[in-house]
C-alpha atoms as a PDB file:
ATOM      1  CA  MET A   1      52.536 -11.642  37.645  1.00  0.00           C
ATOM      2  CA  SER A   2      52.115 -15.091  36.200  1.00  0.00           C
ATOM      3  CA  PRO A   3      51.751 -15.350  32.460  1.00  0.00           C
ATOM      4  CA  LEU A   4      48.404 -16.455  31.121  1.00  0.00           C
ATOM      5  CA  PRO A   5      48.248 -19.935  29.675  1.00  0.00           C
ATOM      6  CA  LEU A   6      48.238 -19.973  25.934  1.00  0.00           C
ATOM      7  CA  GLY A   7      44.871 -21.706  25.887  1.00  0.00           C
ATOM      8  CA  ASP A   8      43.226 -18.713  27.594  1.00  0.00           C
ATOM      9  CA  LEU A   9      44.422 -16.154  25.088  1.00  0.00           C
ATOM     10  CA  PRO A  10      41.749 -14.873  22.668  1.00  0.00           C
ATOM     11  CA  VAL A  11      42.291 -16.197  19.208  1.00  0.00           C
ATOM     12  CA  ALA A  12      41.501 -13.840  16.338  1.00  0.00           C
ATOM     13  CA  ARG A  13      39.315 -15.516  13.805  1.00  0.00           C
ATOM     14  CA  PRO A  14      40.127 -14.660  10.203  1.00  0.00           C
ATOM     15  CA  ALA A  15      37.389 -12.886   8.323  1.00  0.00           C
ATOM     16  CA  PRO A  16      35.632 -15.128   5.838  1.00  0.00           C
ATOM     17  CA  VAL A  17      37.063 -14.713   2.376  1.00  0.00           C
ATOM     18  CA  ARG A  18      34.515 -14.475  -0.405  1.00  0.00           C
ATOM     19  CA  SER A  19      35.404 -16.072  -3.663  1.00  0.00           C
ATOM     20  CA  PRO A  20      35.587 -13.884  -6.791  1.00  0.00           C
ATOM     21  CA  ALA A  21      32.536 -15.689  -8.171  1.00  0.00           C
ATOM     22  CA  ALA A  22      30.504 -14.847  -5.048  1.00  0.00           C
ATOM     23  CA  VAL A  23      31.575 -11.199  -5.239  1.00  0.00           C
ATOM     24  CA  ARG A  24      30.590 -11.003  -8.908  1.00  0.00           C
ATOM     25  CA  LEU A  25      27.246 -12.669  -8.168  1.00  0.00           C
ATOM     26  CA  SER A  26      26.558 -10.219  -5.323  1.00  0.00           C
ATOM     27  CA  ARG A  27      27.330  -7.230  -7.562  1.00  0.00           C
ATOM     28  CA  LEU A  28      25.205  -8.627 -10.380  1.00  0.00           C
ATOM     29  CA  THR A  29      22.290  -9.235  -8.001  1.00  0.00           C
ATOM     30  CA  ARG A  30      22.444  -5.698  -6.582  1.00  0.00           C
ATOM     31  CA  LEU A  31      22.704  -4.211 -10.095  1.00  0.00           C
ATOM     32  CA  THR A  32      19.686  -6.265 -11.197  1.00  0.00           C
ATOM     33  CA  LEU A  33      17.639  -5.137  -8.184  1.00  0.00           C
ATOM     34  CA  THR A  34      18.651  -1.550  -8.869  1.00  0.00           C
ATOM     35  CA  LEU A  35      17.610  -1.646 -12.527  1.00  0.00           C
ATOM     36  CA  LEU A  36      14.532  -3.865 -12.120  1.00  0.00           C
ATOM     37  CA  PRO A  37      12.118  -1.015 -11.211  1.00  0.00           C
ATOM     38  CA  LEU A  38      13.141   0.959 -14.302  1.00  0.00           C
ATOM     39  CA  LEU A  39      12.798  -2.088 -16.559  1.00  0.00           C
ATOM     40  CA  SER A  40       9.356  -2.800 -15.099  1.00  0.00           C
ATOM     41  CA  ILE A  41       8.266   0.758 -15.871  1.00  0.00           C
ATOM     42  CA  GLY A  42       9.381   0.364 -19.469  1.00  0.00           C
ATOM     43  CA  ALA A  43       7.421  -2.871 -19.855  1.00  0.00           C
ATOM     44  CA  TRP A  44       4.311  -1.374 -18.275  1.00  0.00           C
ATOM     45  CA  ALA A  45       4.531   1.737 -20.444  1.00  0.00           C
ATOM     46  CA  ALA A  46       4.663  -0.458 -23.557  1.00  0.00           C
ATOM     47  CA  VAL A  47       1.501  -2.273 -22.458  1.00  0.00           C
ATOM     48  CA  ASP A  48      -0.549   0.645 -21.102  1.00  0.00           C
ATOM     49  CA  GLY A  49       0.846   3.597 -23.010  1.00  0.00           C
ATOM     50  CA  ARG A  50      -2.514   4.602 -24.507  1.00  0.00           C
ATOM     51  CA  ALA A  51      -4.064   5.196 -21.092  1.00  0.00           C
ATOM     52  CA  VAL A  52      -1.312   7.549 -20.023  1.00  0.00           C
ATOM     53  CA  ARG A  53      -1.489   9.465 -23.315  1.00  0.00           C
ATOM     54  CA  VAL A  54      -5.255   9.921 -23.056  1.00  0.00           C
ATOM     55  CA  GLY A  55      -5.015  10.897 -19.398  1.00  0.00           C
ATOM     56  CA  ALA A  56      -2.203  13.365 -20.043  1.00  0.00           C
ATOM     57  CA  ALA A  57      -4.221  14.997 -22.841  1.00  0.00           C
ATOM     58  CA  ARG A  58      -7.192  15.347 -20.480  1.00  0.00           C
ATOM     59  CA  LEU A  59      -5.063  16.836 -17.734  1.00  0.00           C
ATOM     60  CA  ALA A  60      -3.467  19.302 -20.141  1.00  0.00           C
ATOM     61  CA  ALA A  61      -6.884  20.966 -20.616  1.00  0.00           C
ATOM     62  CA  ALA A  62      -7.873  20.829 -16.918  1.00  0.00           C
ATOM     63  CA  ASP A  63      -7.854  23.576 -14.296  1.00  0.00           C
ATOM     64  CA  PRO A  64      -4.220  23.702 -13.072  1.00  0.00           C
ATOM     65  CA  TRP A  65      -5.138  24.914  -9.572  1.00  0.00           C
ATOM     66  CA  TRP A  66      -7.340  21.914  -8.892  1.00  0.00           C
ATOM     67  CA  LEU A  67      -4.584  19.675 -10.272  1.00  0.00           C
ATOM     68  CA  LEU A  68      -2.136  21.330  -7.891  1.00  0.00           C
ATOM     69  CA  ALA A  69      -4.529  20.513  -5.052  1.00  0.00           C
ATOM     70  CA  GLY A  70      -4.545  16.919  -6.278  1.00  0.00           C
ATOM     71  CA  VAL A  71      -0.730  16.825  -6.145  1.00  0.00           C
ATOM     72  CA  PHE A  72      -0.875  18.199  -2.593  1.00  0.00           C
ATOM     73  CA  PHE A  73      -3.295  15.488  -1.440  1.00  0.00           C
ATOM     74  CA  THR A  74      -1.164  12.847  -3.203  1.00  0.00           C
ATOM     75  CA  CYS A  75       1.883  13.910  -1.192  1.00  0.00           C
ATOM     76  CA  LEU A  76      -0.163  13.829   2.006  1.00  0.00           C
ATOM     77  CA  GLY A  77      -1.112  10.247   1.134  1.00  0.00           C
ATOM     78  CA  TRP A  78       2.551   9.186   1.340  1.00  0.00           C
ATOM     79  CA  VAL A  79       2.841  10.947   4.697  1.00  0.00           C
ATOM     80  CA  ALA A  80      -0.244   9.068   5.938  1.00  0.00           C
ATOM     81  CA  ALA A  81       1.233   5.756   4.784  1.00  0.00           C
ATOM     82  CA  ALA A  82       4.455   6.527   6.651  1.00  0.00           C
ATOM     83  CA  CYS A  83       2.449   7.358   9.796  1.00  0.00           C
ATOM     84  CA  VAL A  84       0.622   4.022   9.620  1.00  0.00           C
ATOM     85  CA  ARG A  85       3.895   2.132   9.170  1.00  0.00           C
ATOM     86  CA  GLN A  86       5.375   3.915  12.202  1.00  0.00           C
ATOM     87  CA  GLY A  87       2.223   3.316  14.222  1.00  0.00           C
ATOM     88  CA  ALA A  88       2.567  -0.437  13.663  1.00  0.00           C
ATOM     89  CA  LEU A  89       5.953  -0.599  15.420  1.00  0.00           C
ATOM     90  CA  PRO A  90       7.054   0.390  18.942  1.00  0.00           C
ATOM     91  CA  GLU A  91      10.539   1.432  17.763  1.00  0.00           C
ATOM     92  CA  ARG A  92      11.019   4.896  16.350  1.00  0.00           C
ATOM     93  CA  LEU A  93      11.980   4.808  12.673  1.00  0.00           C
ATOM     94  CA  PRO A  94      13.980   7.576  10.959  1.00  0.00           C
ATOM     95  CA  PRO A  95      11.276   9.847   9.472  1.00  0.00           C
ATOM     96  CA  GLY A  96      13.155  10.786   6.309  1.00  0.00           C
ATOM     97  CA  LEU A  97      14.092   7.244   5.341  1.00  0.00           C
ATOM     98  CA  LEU A  98      10.629   6.001   6.311  1.00  0.00           C
ATOM     99  CA  LEU A  99       8.956   8.530   4.005  1.00  0.00           C
ATOM    100  CA  ALA A 100      11.421   7.720   1.212  1.00  0.00           C
ATOM    101  CA  SER A 101      10.720   4.005   1.627  1.00  0.00           C
ATOM    102  CA  GLN A 102       6.974   4.593   1.329  1.00  0.00           C
ATOM    103  CA  PHE A 103       7.476   6.709  -1.780  1.00  0.00           C
ATOM    104  CA  ALA A 104       9.561   3.877  -3.244  1.00  0.00           C
ATOM    105  CA  ALA A 105       7.005   1.307  -2.045  1.00  0.00           C
ATOM    106  CA  GLY A 106       4.353   3.142  -4.049  1.00  0.00           C
ATOM    107  CA  ALA A 107       6.292   2.425  -7.238  1.00  0.00           C
ATOM    108  CA  ALA A 108       6.716  -1.245  -6.304  1.00  0.00           C
ATOM    109  CA  ASN A 109       3.032  -1.473  -5.363  1.00  0.00           C
ATOM    110  CA  HIS A 110       1.972  -0.597  -8.911  1.00  0.00           C
ATOM    111  CA  ILE A 111       4.129  -3.368 -10.380  1.00  0.00           C
ATOM    112  CA  LEU A 112       3.128  -6.363  -8.237  1.00  0.00           C
ATOM    113  CA  PRO A 113      -0.451  -7.298  -7.250  1.00  0.00           C
ATOM    114  CA  ALA A 114      -2.136  -7.299  -3.848  1.00  0.00           C
ATOM    115  CA  SER A 115       0.329  -4.820  -2.269  1.00  0.00           C
ATOM    116  CA  ILE A 116       3.093  -7.442  -2.455  1.00  0.00           C
ATOM    117  CA  GLY A 117       5.575  -4.915  -3.831  1.00  0.00           C
ATOM    118  CA  ALA A 118       4.926  -2.328  -1.122  1.00  0.00           C
ATOM    119  CA  HIS A 119       5.082  -4.932   1.647  1.00  0.00           C
ATOM    120  CA  ALA A 120       8.339  -6.370   0.265  1.00  0.00           C
ATOM    121  CA  VAL A 121       9.979  -2.932   0.212  1.00  0.00           C
ATOM    122  CA  THR A 122       8.762  -2.152   3.734  1.00  0.00           C
ATOM    123  CA  LEU A 123       9.884  -5.549   5.032  1.00  0.00           C
ATOM    124  CA  ARG A 124      13.389  -4.987   3.674  1.00  0.00           C
ATOM    125  CA  PHE A 125      13.429  -1.494   5.170  1.00  0.00           C
ATOM    126  CA  LEU A 126      12.380  -2.738   8.609  1.00  0.00           C
ATOM    127  CA  GLN A 127      14.962  -5.513   8.579  1.00  0.00           C
ATOM    128  CA  GLY A 128      17.592  -2.965   7.610  1.00  0.00           C
ATOM    129  CA  ARG A 129      16.595  -0.966  10.717  1.00  0.00           C
ATOM    130  CA  GLY A 130      17.311  -4.010  12.882  1.00  0.00           C
ATOM    131  CA  ILE A 131      13.719  -5.230  13.322  1.00  0.00           C
ATOM    132  CA  PRO A 132      13.657  -9.065  13.517  1.00  0.00           C
ATOM    133  CA  LEU A 133      11.778 -10.820  10.740  1.00  0.00           C
ATOM    134  CA  PRO A 134       8.902 -12.144  12.928  1.00  0.00           C
ATOM    135  CA  ARG A 135       8.202  -8.706  14.381  1.00  0.00           C
ATOM    136  CA  ALA A 136       8.539  -7.002  10.997  1.00  0.00           C
ATOM    137  CA  THR A 137       6.073  -9.489   9.497  1.00  0.00           C
ATOM    138  CA  ALA A 138       3.697  -8.947  12.425  1.00  0.00           C
ATOM    139  CA  SER A 139       3.904  -5.209  11.764  1.00  0.00           C
ATOM    140  CA  LEU A 140       2.881  -5.747   8.130  1.00  0.00           C
ATOM    141  CA  ALA A 141      -0.005  -7.967   9.247  1.00  0.00           C
ATOM    142  CA  LEU A 142      -1.221  -5.316  11.691  1.00  0.00           C
ATOM    143  CA  TYR A 143      -0.952  -2.680   8.971  1.00  0.00           C
ATOM    144  CA  SER A 144      -2.954  -4.852   6.567  1.00  0.00           C
ATOM    145  CA  LEU A 145      -5.631  -5.526   9.202  1.00  0.00           C
ATOM    146  CA  VAL A 146      -6.087  -1.983  10.489  1.00  0.00           C
ATOM    147  CA  LYS A 147      -6.368  -0.308   7.079  1.00  0.00           C
ATOM    148  CA  PRO A 148      -9.591  -2.061   5.939  1.00  0.00           C
ATOM    149  CA  LEU A 149     -11.088  -1.761   9.419  1.00  0.00           C
ATOM    150  CA  ALA A 150     -10.431   1.982   9.477  1.00  0.00           C
ATOM    151  CA  LYS A 151     -11.744   2.352   5.926  1.00  0.00           C
ATOM    152  CA  THR A 152     -14.940   0.533   6.892  1.00  0.00           C
ATOM    153  CA  ALA A 153     -15.370   2.883   9.849  1.00  0.00           C
ATOM    154  CA  VAL A 154     -14.942   5.897   7.553  1.00  0.00           C
ATOM    155  CA  LEU A 155     -17.496   4.401   5.137  1.00  0.00           C
ATOM    156  CA  VAL A 156     -20.011   3.955   7.967  1.00  0.00           C
ATOM    157  CA  VAL A 157     -19.456   7.558   9.069  1.00  0.00           C
ATOM    158  CA  PHE A 158     -20.185   8.827   5.546  1.00  0.00           C
ATOM    159  CA  LEU A 159     -23.301   6.670   5.236  1.00  0.00           C
ATOM    160  CA  VAL A 160     -24.643   7.845   8.606  1.00  0.00           C
ATOM    161  CA  ALA A 161     -23.712  11.512   8.172  1.00  0.00           C
ATOM    162  CA  LEU A 162     -25.110  11.913   4.639  1.00  0.00           C
ATOM    163  CA  PRO A 163     -28.095   9.580   4.266  1.00  0.00           C
ATOM    164  CA  ASP A 164     -30.163  11.886   2.025  1.00  0.00           C
ATOM    165  CA  THR A 165     -27.465  13.429  -0.131  1.00  0.00           C
ATOM    166  CA  LEU A 166     -26.161  10.153  -1.527  1.00  0.00           C
ATOM    167  CA  ARG A 167     -28.294   7.935  -3.736  1.00  0.00           C
ATOM    168  CA  LEU A 168     -27.368   4.355  -2.915  1.00  0.00           C
ATOM    169  CA  GLY A 169     -30.313   2.449  -4.309  1.00  0.00           C
ATOM    170  CA  ASP A 170     -28.611   1.546  -7.582  1.00  0.00           C
ATOM    171  CA  LEU A 171     -25.427   0.497  -5.785  1.00  0.00           C
ATOM    172  CA  ALA A 172     -26.836  -1.913  -3.214  1.00  0.00           C
ATOM    173  CA  PRO A 173     -25.718  -5.489  -3.997  1.00  0.00           C
ATOM    174  CA  ASP A 174     -28.337  -8.115  -4.658  1.00  0.00           C
ATOM    175  CA  THR A 175     -28.884 -11.157  -2.477  1.00  0.00           C
ATOM    176  CA  TRP A 176     -26.857 -13.481  -4.704  1.00  0.00           C
ATOM    177  CA  THR A 177     -23.807 -11.181  -4.537  1.00  0.00           C
ATOM    178  CA  LEU A 178     -24.006 -11.036  -0.744  1.00  0.00           C
ATOM    179  CA  VAL A 179     -24.336 -14.835  -0.527  1.00  0.00           C
ATOM    180  CA  MET A 180     -21.290 -15.303  -2.777  1.00  0.00           C
ATOM    181  CA  ALA A 181     -19.225 -12.845  -0.724  1.00  0.00           C
ATOM    182  CA  ALA A 182     -20.203 -14.524   2.548  1.00  0.00           C
ATOM    183  CA  GLY A 183     -19.497 -17.957   1.059  1.00  0.00           C
ATOM    184  CA  ALA A 184     -16.055 -16.896  -0.171  1.00  0.00           C
ATOM    185  CA  ALA A 185     -15.146 -15.489   3.255  1.00  0.00           C
ATOM    186  CA  THR A 186     -16.376 -18.646   4.993  1.00  0.00           C
ATOM    187  CA  LEU A 187     -14.457 -20.921   2.618  1.00  0.00           C
ATOM    188  CA  GLY A 188     -11.287 -18.895   3.113  1.00  0.00           C
ATOM    189  CA  LEU A 189     -11.451 -19.068   6.912  1.00  0.00           C
ATOM    190  CA  THR A 190     -12.406 -22.756   6.868  1.00  0.00           C
ATOM    191  CA  GLY A 191      -9.593 -23.586   4.463  1.00  0.00           C
ATOM    192  CA  ALA A 192      -7.026 -21.794   6.620  1.00  0.00           C
ATOM    193  CA  ALA A 193      -8.264 -23.609   9.745  1.00  0.00           C
ATOM    194  CA  LEU A 194      -8.138 -27.008   8.006  1.00  0.00           C
ATOM    195  CA  LEU A 195      -4.656 -26.297   6.657  1.00  0.00           C
ATOM    196  CA  LEU A 196      -3.325 -25.527  10.118  1.00  0.00           C
ATOM    197  CA  THR A 197      -5.082 -28.573  11.545  1.00  0.00           C
ATOM    198  CA  VAL A 198      -3.877 -31.058   8.929  1.00  0.00           C
ATOM    199  CA  VAL A 199      -0.361 -29.766   8.186  1.00  0.00           C
ATOM    200  CA  ARG A 200       1.424 -30.008  11.536  1.00  0.00           C
ATOM    201  CA  PRO A 201       4.700 -28.280  10.470  1.00  0.00           C
ATOM    202  CA  LEU A 202       2.712 -25.112   9.802  1.00  0.00           C
ATOM    203  CA  ARG A 203       1.044 -25.075  13.214  1.00  0.00           C
ATOM    204  CA  ARG A 204       4.030 -24.075  15.347  1.00  0.00           C
ATOM    205  CA  PRO A 205       5.223 -21.110  13.195  1.00  0.00           C
ATOM    206  CA  ALA A 206       1.630 -19.960  12.679  1.00  0.00           C
ATOM    207  CA  LEU A 207       0.912 -19.955  16.410  1.00  0.00           C
ATOM    208  CA  GLY A 208       4.226 -18.237  17.073  1.00  0.00           C
ATOM    209  CA  PHE A 209       3.374 -15.564  14.535  1.00  0.00           C
ATOM    210  CA  VAL A 210      -0.054 -15.008  16.113  1.00  0.00           C
ATOM    211  CA  ARG A 211       1.491 -14.688  19.581  1.00  0.00           C
ATOM    212  CA  THR A 212       4.061 -12.184  18.282  1.00  0.00           C
ATOM    213  CA  ALA A 213       1.403 -10.165  16.481  1.00  0.00           C
ATOM    214  CA  LEU A 214      -0.900 -10.073  19.511  1.00  0.00           C
ATOM    215  CA  THR A 215       1.966  -9.037  21.802  1.00  0.00           C
ATOM    216  CA  GLU A 216       2.998  -6.246  19.419  1.00  0.00           C
ATOM    217  CA  ALA A 217      -0.586  -5.017  19.082  1.00  0.00           C
ATOM    218  CA  ARG A 218      -1.050  -4.987  22.872  1.00  0.00           C
ATOM    219  CA  ILE A 219       2.156  -2.988  23.387  1.00  0.00           C
ATOM    220  CA  LEU A 220       1.303  -0.514  20.648  1.00  0.00           C
ATOM    221  CA  HIS A 221      -2.191   0.148  21.967  1.00  0.00           C
ATOM    222  CA  THR A 222      -0.757   1.217  25.327  1.00  0.00           C
ATOM    223  CA  ARG A 223       1.007   4.124  23.592  1.00  0.00           C
ATOM    224  CA  PRO A 224      -1.340   6.935  22.472  1.00  0.00           C
ATOM    225  CA  SER A 225       1.087   8.279  19.880  1.00  0.00           C
ATOM    226  CA  ARG A 226       1.226   4.907  18.112  1.00  0.00           C
ATOM    227  CA  VAL A 227      -2.562   4.484  18.289  1.00  0.00           C
ATOM    228  CA  LEU A 228      -3.045   7.907  16.716  1.00  0.00           C
ATOM    229  CA  ALA A 229      -0.507   7.213  13.975  1.00  0.00           C
ATOM    230  CA  LEU A 230      -1.871   3.729  13.233  1.00  0.00           C
ATOM    231  CA  TRP A 231      -5.615   4.357  13.279  1.00  0.00           C
ATOM    232  CA  GLY A 232      -5.571   8.053  12.370  1.00  0.00           C
ATOM    233  CA  GLY A 233      -3.302   7.481   9.379  1.00  0.00           C
ATOM    234  CA  SER A 234      -5.382   4.506   8.235  1.00  0.00           C
ATOM    235  CA  ALA A 235      -8.592   6.542   8.426  1.00  0.00           C
ATOM    236  CA  ALA A 236      -7.032   9.537   6.679  1.00  0.00           C
ATOM    237  CA  ALA A 237      -5.621   7.482   3.766  1.00  0.00           C
ATOM    238  CA  PRO A 238      -8.922   6.799   1.888  1.00  0.00           C
ATOM    239  CA  VAL A 239     -10.136  10.348   2.553  1.00  0.00           C
ATOM    240  CA  LEU A 240      -6.934  11.756   1.050  1.00  0.00           C
ATOM    241  CA  GLN A 241      -7.198   9.370  -1.897  1.00  0.00           C
ATOM    242  CA  GLY A 242     -10.791  10.453  -2.480  1.00  0.00           C
ATOM    243  CA  SER A 243      -9.702  14.094  -2.246  1.00  0.00           C
ATOM    244  CA  VAL A 244      -7.207  13.490  -5.059  1.00  0.00           C
ATOM    245  CA  ILE A 245      -9.968  12.035  -7.245  1.00  0.00           C
ATOM    246  CA  ALA A 246     -12.303  14.896  -6.357  1.00  0.00           C
ATOM    247  CA  SER A 247      -9.622  17.476  -7.205  1.00  0.00           C
ATOM    248  CA  VAL A 248      -9.018  15.873 -10.604  1.00  0.00           C
ATOM    249  CA  GLY A 249     -12.778  15.655 -11.193  1.00  0.00           C
ATOM    250  CA  PHE A 250     -13.324  19.313 -10.263  1.00  0.00           C
ATOM    251  CA  SER A 251     -10.536  20.318 -12.641  1.00  0.00           C
ATOM    252  CA  LEU A 252     -12.489  18.600 -15.439  1.00  0.00           C
ATOM    253  CA  GLY A 253     -15.926  19.874 -14.368  1.00  0.00           C
ATOM    254  CA  LEU A 254     -17.242  16.749 -12.629  1.00  0.00           C
ATOM    255  CA  PRO A 255     -20.777  17.539 -11.324  1.00  0.00           C
ATOM    256  CA  LEU A 256     -20.395  15.712  -7.989  1.00  0.00           C
ATOM    257  CA  SER A 257     -19.654  16.920  -4.485  1.00  0.00           C
ATOM    258  CA  TRP A 258     -16.514  16.030  -2.556  1.00  0.00           C
ATOM    259  CA  ALA A 259     -18.529  13.736  -0.258  1.00  0.00           C
ATOM    260  CA  GLN A 260     -20.007  11.868  -3.218  1.00  0.00           C
ATOM    261  CA  VAL A 261     -16.589  11.281  -4.779  1.00  0.00           C
ATOM    262  CA  VAL A 262     -15.063  10.067  -1.515  1.00  0.00           C
ATOM    263  CA  LEU A 263     -18.019   7.780  -0.874  1.00  0.00           C
ATOM    264  CA  ALA A 264     -17.794   6.461  -4.443  1.00  0.00           C
ATOM    265  CA  LEU A 265     -14.172   5.525  -3.819  1.00  0.00           C
ATOM    266  CA  LEU A 266     -14.989   3.881  -0.480  1.00  0.00           C
ATOM    267  CA  LEU A 267     -17.784   1.808  -2.018  1.00  0.00           C
ATOM    268  CA  ALA A 268     -15.769   0.841  -5.108  1.00  0.00           C
ATOM    269  CA  SER A 269     -12.624  -0.132  -3.203  1.00  0.00           C
ATOM    270  CA  THR A 270     -14.624  -2.062  -0.608  1.00  0.00           C
ATOM    271  CA  ALA A 271     -16.557  -3.962  -3.276  1.00  0.00           C
ATOM    272  CA  VAL A 272     -13.622  -5.045  -5.468  1.00  0.00           C
ATOM    273  CA  GLY A 273     -10.568  -4.108  -3.420  1.00  0.00           C
ATOM    274  CA  ALA A 274      -9.777  -7.771  -2.717  1.00  0.00           C
ATOM    275  CA  VAL A 275      -9.122  -8.469  -6.420  1.00  0.00           C
ATOM    276  CA  PRO A 276      -5.320  -8.932  -6.689  1.00  0.00           C
ATOM    277  CA  ALA A 277      -4.560  -6.264  -9.285  1.00  0.00           C
ATOM    278  CA  PRO A 278      -1.387  -4.131  -9.126  1.00  0.00           C
ATOM    279  CA  GLY A 279      -2.249  -1.067  -7.053  1.00  0.00           C
ATOM    280  CA  GLY A 280      -5.940  -1.833  -7.469  1.00  0.00           C
ATOM    281  CA  ILE A 281      -5.765  -0.638 -11.068  1.00  0.00           C
ATOM    282  CA  GLY A 282      -8.460  -2.173 -13.247  1.00  0.00           C
ATOM    283  CA  PRO A 283     -11.236  -3.555 -11.015  1.00  0.00           C
ATOM    284  CA  VAL A 284     -11.298  -0.542  -8.681  1.00  0.00           C
ATOM    285  CA  ASP A 285     -11.192   1.858 -11.636  1.00  0.00           C
ATOM    286  CA  ALA A 286     -14.160   0.217 -13.331  1.00  0.00           C
ATOM    287  CA  ALA A 287     -16.154   0.082 -10.100  1.00  0.00           C
ATOM    288  CA  LEU A 288     -15.288   3.733  -9.357  1.00  0.00           C
ATOM    289  CA  VAL A 289     -16.502   4.874 -12.784  1.00  0.00           C
ATOM    290  CA  LEU A 290     -19.781   2.974 -12.386  1.00  0.00           C
ATOM    291  CA  THR A 291     -20.293   4.312  -8.864  1.00  0.00           C
ATOM    292  CA  MET A 292     -19.748   7.935  -9.897  1.00  0.00           C
ATOM    293  CA  ALA A 293     -22.089   7.382 -12.846  1.00  0.00           C
ATOM    294  CA  ALA A 294     -24.716   6.038 -10.436  1.00  0.00           C
ATOM    295  CA  PHE A 295     -24.347   9.269  -8.445  1.00  0.00           C
ATOM    296  CA  GLY A 296     -25.188  11.274 -11.573  1.00  0.00           C
ATOM    297  CA  ALA A 297     -21.852  11.933 -13.276  1.00  0.00           C
ATOM    298  CA  PRO A 298     -21.659  11.493 -17.073  1.00  0.00           C
ATOM    299  CA  MET A 299     -19.931   8.230 -17.911  1.00  0.00           C
ATOM    300  CA  GLY A 300     -17.323   9.882 -20.157  1.00  0.00           C
ATOM    301  CA  LEU A 301     -16.443  12.489 -17.551  1.00  0.00           C
ATOM    302  CA  ALA A 302     -16.219   9.882 -14.781  1.00  0.00           C
ATOM    303  CA  THR A 303     -13.894   7.802 -16.977  1.00  0.00           C
ATOM    304  CA  ALA A 304     -11.727  10.837 -17.730  1.00  0.00           C
ATOM    305  CA  THR A 305     -11.545  11.632 -14.019  1.00  0.00           C
ATOM    306  CA  VAL A 306     -10.319   8.142 -13.145  1.00  0.00           C
ATOM    307  CA  ILE A 307      -7.769   8.134 -15.976  1.00  0.00           C
ATOM    308  CA  GLY A 308      -6.505  11.564 -14.922  1.00  0.00           C
ATOM    309  CA  TYR A 309      -6.337  10.404 -11.321  1.00  0.00           C
ATOM    310  CA  ARG A 310      -4.215   7.410 -12.299  1.00  0.00           C
ATOM    311  CA  VAL A 311      -1.864   9.612 -14.329  1.00  0.00           C
ATOM    312  CA  LEU A 312      -1.485  11.987 -11.388  1.00  0.00           C
ATOM    313  CA  THR A 313      -0.949   9.319  -8.711  1.00  0.00           C
ATOM    314  CA  VAL A 314       0.665   6.457 -10.652  1.00  0.00           C
ATOM    315  CA  TRP A 315       2.372   7.534 -13.841  1.00  0.00           C
ATOM    316  CA  ILE A 316       3.845  10.873 -12.751  1.00  0.00           C
ATOM    317  CA  PRO A 317       5.350   9.564  -9.461  1.00  0.00           C
ATOM    318  CA  LEU A 318       6.315   6.195 -10.967  1.00  0.00           C
ATOM    319  CA  LEU A 319       9.685   7.175 -12.446  1.00  0.00           C
ATOM    320  CA  PRO A 320      10.809   9.237  -9.415  1.00  0.00           C
ATOM    321  CA  GLY A 321       9.606   6.447  -7.119  1.00  0.00           C
ATOM    322  CA  ALA A 322      11.559   3.860  -9.108  1.00  0.00           C
ATOM    323  CA  LEU A 323      14.668   6.037  -8.960  1.00  0.00           C
ATOM    324  CA  VAL A 324      14.291   6.389  -5.178  1.00  0.00           C
ATOM    325  CA  LEU A 325      13.782   2.628  -4.925  1.00  0.00           C
ATOM    326  CA  SER A 326      16.939   2.008  -6.948  1.00  0.00           C
ATOM    327  CA  ALA A 327      18.877   4.509  -4.832  1.00  0.00           C
ATOM    328  CA  LEU A 328      17.739   2.865  -1.588  1.00  0.00           C
ATOM    329  CA  VAL A 329      18.776  -0.547  -2.908  1.00  0.00           C
ATOM    330  CA  HIS A 330      22.124   0.836  -4.101  1.00  0.00           C
ATOM    331  CA  ARG A 331      22.800   2.432  -0.684  1.00  0.00           C
ATOM    332  CA  GLU A 332      21.822  -0.837   1.026  1.00  0.00           C
ATOM    333  CA  VAL A 333      18.932   0.793   2.905  1.00  0.00           C
ATOM    334  CA  LEU A 334      16.749  -1.963   1.404  1.00  0.00           C
END
């Protein structure tokens, strides 16, 4: 047997050595990311502490069984979010970690506006599962597109199924509001088209992203299980959210039906849901109070219902969600 030439022997490459400064910086960064959710909660509590105190006092005098039903529907909302995330990807994600990531994403979503926090957590989770960045981003885009489409379909179903029960005359937007909404949508689409036309470096990645997203959507819609998870979860999410509000309202004696409360949420979130507020808090709350008042609920009781709903779905899960988020970062899942 002839010996191999030395040039053909595999050469072991030494592992890259990280400098002590880089190691310290990495540890400091991970510690900061771990503690950031808790620090954000403290800052938010200092700013909005009165709302949580008022809401907690209201809930303390409410019917506990209806509040328990509200907790149940809140938990189902996280399950629905996890189903939608899974439905937007062909690969099977670990169910436990996926649900934990969505619970943690809920905490991040109430800190940053326009769902940026939730999308950032999910993007990190998908990359940690080995999903390439373009496909993970396409999954988030599909998620963001399907949710409003499914919510609009649910809204149409409610309007068609209950035309006489729900009084919509006071809620119909005037002509000027419709013109402004149409103008804003047209300007947004025109601006995006001009940007891609004028700025050439953006054209190639944008077209590549569109091709990736369309390919992913085509593959997903050939699999019935993914279609059911994606569209079924997206349609169930606003109904579950409205059921939480209805449960809190019933615990306080709100004189509206379940269908009226769910429709009030659908109308309010559709009207002002595009306003970039953290978790929709603020604009959606005000629109929801006005919509329930237009359906015949006393203004004070509608306000108490919304405050109690926010305490139940935001403030109570916020600390556990931040702890889960910190744990996922610490364990390098995110």
